[in-house]
Amino acid sequence: MNHALITGGAGFIGSHLVDSLLSDGWRVTAIDNFDAFYDRGIKEENIEGHRAHPGYRFEEVDICDYDRLHERFSGCRYDAIVHLAAKAGVRPSILDPRAYQRVNAGGTQHVLELARVTGTRQFVFASSSSVYGVNPSVPWREDDHGLLPISPYAGTKVAGELMGHVYSYLYGIRFLALRFFTVYGPRQRPDLAIHKMARLMLEGKPIPVYGDGSARRDYTYIADIVAGIKSAIGYTGSQYEIFNLGNNHTVGLHEMIQGLENVLGCEAKIKRLPPQAGDVPITWADLDKSNQRLGYRPETTFPDGLRRFARWLELRPVPAATIGSGQVSRFSEGDGRR
């Protein structure tokens, strides 16, 4: 039986990946530290259905705790490590850049060391479209080396990709960096735009729109992201690669809001705010390389994905949840990067 170690395994993307791997007959060891960025109960609910599975093991461990990480996991054999754990969010990283460096860069090196010690040869790393920054040459291609990150979060993801190259070169670890483009769907993090705006709209409250609303995003449905990760787990074509996982279709902010109005059956009240530091005007994935090497072909259109998200949201309770920096909001469950 194949065995995967997944960091960030209780989060939005991680819990969906665990669902799929367990369904495929994998053995899964999941790590999460229940970071206080949002309510712990959200992640506990994400993994509630996993705990009784005979092929599942969960450990609450912080990847920054090198000694405990290696004490708990270095004695096992893994066919693949999927490293999703990270401090998330562009804007919060500007407020606390040292924490992002400690977790996203330092923690990634700790997990890479675990791969070296355990002899794990397949390492899949959750990178981000934010590494492209303000590069005007869209759609963004993996072989465009003009990375222009504009937030500490993005900088730490570039650092993770480069450290992966070091470990691939020195120790023969196959390192695959997946640049995720705006992942959404059931269990999305409550601080992200689609979930946050949907909750506010359902409560009849104004939604924040930063800048002139002209920003465009390449929204990618969670099931397509999971399919891409699984393809990367099975990839053997080379020792080090970077792949975009997006939808190759951009959606404007006002289009996204209109889409939410359609699926939720309510009208958005818009509150205009100044542009936010760290935001980029557009994200757009070129998928030629991912198509050719991974067989990655996203199947979910944005309207279909929003409908699935809305159906999930309608069934969720609305507990008060702490979302970053002690801010309390009435949001439910969450997302991605990860």
Foldseek 3Di string as FASTA:
>chain_A
DAEEEEEVLLFALNLVLVVVCVVVVYQYEYEYQQDQLKFSVQSCVSCVVVPPRPSYHYDHDQLLPLVVVCVVQLVDAHQEYEYLDADDDFQVCQVPVVVRCSRLQVSLVSVLVSCLSRVHQAYEYLAALLQQPQVPDPPDDPPPPNGDHFGSNSVSSVNSQVVLVVSCVPRVHQYEYEHEWAEDAPQAACVDQLQVQLVCQVVVHADEDADPQFAKTQYAYSVLVSLLVVLSSVADPDRHYYAYRTQQDIDTRVRSQVLSCVLSVGHHHYDYDYHGGRDYRYHGHDHPVCCVRRVRHGDDDPSRRSNRRSVNQVPWDFDWMQRRPRDIDRGTGHDDSD
